[in-house]
Amino acid sequence: MTHIHNGMSAADLPSLAWVKASASNQNGTCVEMAVLPDRRIAMRNSNFPDGPALIYTPAEIAALLTGVREGDFDHLLA
């Protein structure tokens, strides 16, 4: 079994159901996420589906989503 870790190729992850935000643009430019068998969450760039994956715990993704909802990152797009 492959050791799942940050920065590994998304192609080396087990078969996953990747989800892309419905707001992604027509070119498919978006972040995709998938739940791993151990319930951690993998994230990849949809333009480079075999590129590196970042691996997060559910608590880390929950904190990210809360921050997004509260506008904590809005300044990054200004």
C-alpha atoms as a PDB file:
ATOM      1  CA  MET A   1       0.000   0.000   0.000  1.00  0.00           C
ATOM      2  CA  THR A   2       1.258   3.477  -0.877  1.00  0.00           C
ATOM      3  CA  HIS A   3       1.991   5.911   1.958  1.00  0.00           C
ATOM      4  CA  ILE A   4      -0.256   8.916   1.312  1.00  0.00           C
ATOM      5  CA  HIS A   5       1.524  12.197   2.002  1.00  0.00           C
ATOM      6  CA  ASN A   6       1.538  15.870   1.035  1.00  0.00           C
ATOM      7  CA  GLY A   7       3.101  16.589  -2.312  1.00  0.00           C
ATOM      8  CA  MET A   8       2.748  13.099  -3.743  1.00  0.00           C
ATOM      9  CA  SER A   9       1.490  12.751  -7.287  1.00  0.00           C
ATOM     10  CA  ALA A  10      -2.297  12.697  -7.405  1.00  0.00           C
ATOM     11  CA  ALA A  11      -1.894   9.903  -9.970  1.00  0.00           C
ATOM     12  CA  ASP A  12      -0.426   7.722  -7.201  1.00  0.00           C
ATOM     13  CA  LEU A  13      -3.474   8.100  -4.961  1.00  0.00           C
ATOM     14  CA  PRO A  14      -6.068   5.343  -4.910  1.00  0.00           C
ATOM     15  CA  SER A  15      -9.028   5.736  -7.246  1.00  0.00           C
ATOM     16  CA  LEU A  16     -10.983   8.723  -5.896  1.00  0.00           C
ATOM     17  CA  ALA A  17     -14.171  10.607  -6.704  1.00  0.00           C
ATOM     18  CA  TRP A  18     -12.766  14.086  -7.344  1.00  0.00           C
ATOM     19  CA  VAL A  19     -15.196  17.000  -6.932  1.00  0.00           C
ATOM     20  CA  LYS A  20     -14.823  20.362  -8.656  1.00  0.00           C
ATOM     21  CA  ALA A  21     -16.669  23.501  -7.588  1.00  0.00           C
ATOM     22  CA  SER A  22     -19.685  24.277  -9.752  1.00  0.00           C
ATOM     23  CA  ALA A  23     -18.353  27.838 -10.065  1.00  0.00           C
ATOM     24  CA  SER A  24     -15.186  26.733 -11.869  1.00  0.00           C
ATOM     25  CA  ASN A  25     -14.684  28.376 -15.242  1.00  0.00           C
ATOM     26  CA  GLN A  26     -15.143  26.819 -18.699  1.00  0.00           C
ATOM     27  CA  ASN A  27     -11.444  25.952 -18.938  1.00  0.00           C
ATOM     28  CA  GLY A  28     -11.733  23.697 -15.911  1.00  0.00           C
ATOM     29  CA  THR A  29      -9.465  25.941 -13.891  1.00  0.00           C
ATOM     30  CA  CYS A  30     -10.300  24.985 -10.368  1.00  0.00           C
ATOM     31  CA  VAL A  31      -9.233  23.114  -7.305  1.00  0.00           C
ATOM     32  CA  GLU A  32     -10.603  19.589  -6.963  1.00  0.00           C
ATOM     33  CA  MET A  33     -11.083  17.706  -3.701  1.00  0.00           C
ATOM     34  CA  ALA A  34     -11.644  14.056  -2.864  1.00  0.00           C
ATOM     35  CA  VAL A  35     -12.122  12.062   0.321  1.00  0.00           C
ATOM     36  CA  LEU A  36      -9.431   9.469   0.985  1.00  0.00           C
ATOM     37  CA  PRO A  37     -10.222   6.052   2.487  1.00  0.00           C
ATOM     38  CA  ASP A  38      -8.990   7.271   5.903  1.00  0.00           C
ATOM     39  CA  ARG A  39     -11.364  10.310   5.658  1.00  0.00           C
ATOM     40  CA  ARG A  40      -8.569  12.845   5.044  1.00  0.00           C
ATOM     41  CA  ILE A  41      -9.148  15.129   2.066  1.00  0.00           C
ATOM     42  CA  ALA A  42      -6.909  15.374  -0.984  1.00  0.00           C
ATOM     43  CA  MET A  43      -6.739  18.566  -3.033  1.00  0.00           C
ATOM     44  CA  ARG A  44      -5.300  18.988  -6.528  1.00  0.00           C
ATOM     45  CA  ASN A  45      -5.135  21.525  -9.363  1.00  0.00           C
ATOM     46  CA  SER A  46      -7.649  20.516 -12.045  1.00  0.00           C
ATOM     47  CA  ASN A  47      -5.279  21.721 -14.781  1.00  0.00           C
ATOM     48  CA  PHE A  48      -2.639  19.238 -13.557  1.00  0.00           C
ATOM     49  CA  PRO A  49      -4.628  16.223 -12.353  1.00  0.00           C
ATOM     50  CA  ASP A  50      -1.515  14.049 -12.028  1.00  0.00           C
ATOM     51  CA  GLY A  51       0.467  16.789 -10.290  1.00  0.00           C
ATOM     52  CA  PRO A  52       1.073  17.095  -6.568  1.00  0.00           C
ATOM     53  CA  ALA A  53      -1.762  16.581  -4.120  1.00  0.00           C
ATOM     54  CA  LEU A  54      -2.113  18.288  -0.776  1.00  0.00           C
ATOM     55  CA  ILE A  55      -3.582  16.167   2.009  1.00  0.00           C
ATOM     56  CA  TYR A  56      -5.673  17.711   4.806  1.00  0.00           C
ATOM     57  CA  THR A  57      -7.616  16.520   7.815  1.00  0.00           C
ATOM     58  CA  PRO A  58     -11.362  17.169   7.921  1.00  0.00           C
ATOM     59  CA  ALA A  59     -10.743  19.746  10.689  1.00  0.00           C
ATOM     60  CA  GLU A  60      -8.293  21.637   8.476  1.00  0.00           C
ATOM     61  CA  ILE A  61     -10.784  21.755   5.585  1.00  0.00           C
ATOM     62  CA  ALA A  62     -13.552  22.851   7.970  1.00  0.00           C
ATOM     63  CA  ALA A  63     -11.349  25.741   9.157  1.00  0.00           C
ATOM     64  CA  LEU A  64     -10.575  26.696   5.541  1.00  0.00           C
ATOM     65  CA  LEU A  65     -14.247  26.686   4.552  1.00  0.00           C
ATOM     66  CA  THR A  66     -15.183  28.764   7.590  1.00  0.00           C
ATOM     67  CA  GLY A  67     -12.498  31.282   6.682  1.00  0.00           C
ATOM     68  CA  VAL A  68     -13.723  31.429   3.084  1.00  0.00           C
ATOM     69  CA  ARG A  69     -17.334  31.948   4.183  1.00  0.00           C
ATOM     70  CA  GLU A  70     -16.255  34.732   6.547  1.00  0.00           C
ATOM     71  CA  GLY A  71     -14.232  36.522   3.848  1.00  0.00           C
ATOM     72  CA  ASP A  72     -10.832  35.922   5.439  1.00  0.00           C
ATOM     73  CA  PHE A  73      -9.229  35.413   2.038  1.00  0.00           C
ATOM     74  CA  ASP A  74     -11.109  37.951  -0.071  1.00  0.00           C
ATOM     75  CA  HIS A  75      -8.090  40.300  -0.081  1.00  0.00           C
ATOM     76  CA  LEU A  76      -6.100  37.699  -2.050  1.00  0.00           C
ATOM     77  CA  LEU A  77      -8.244  38.400  -5.123  1.00  0.00           C
ATOM     78  CA  ALA A  78      -8.085  42.189  -4.901  1.00  0.00           C
END
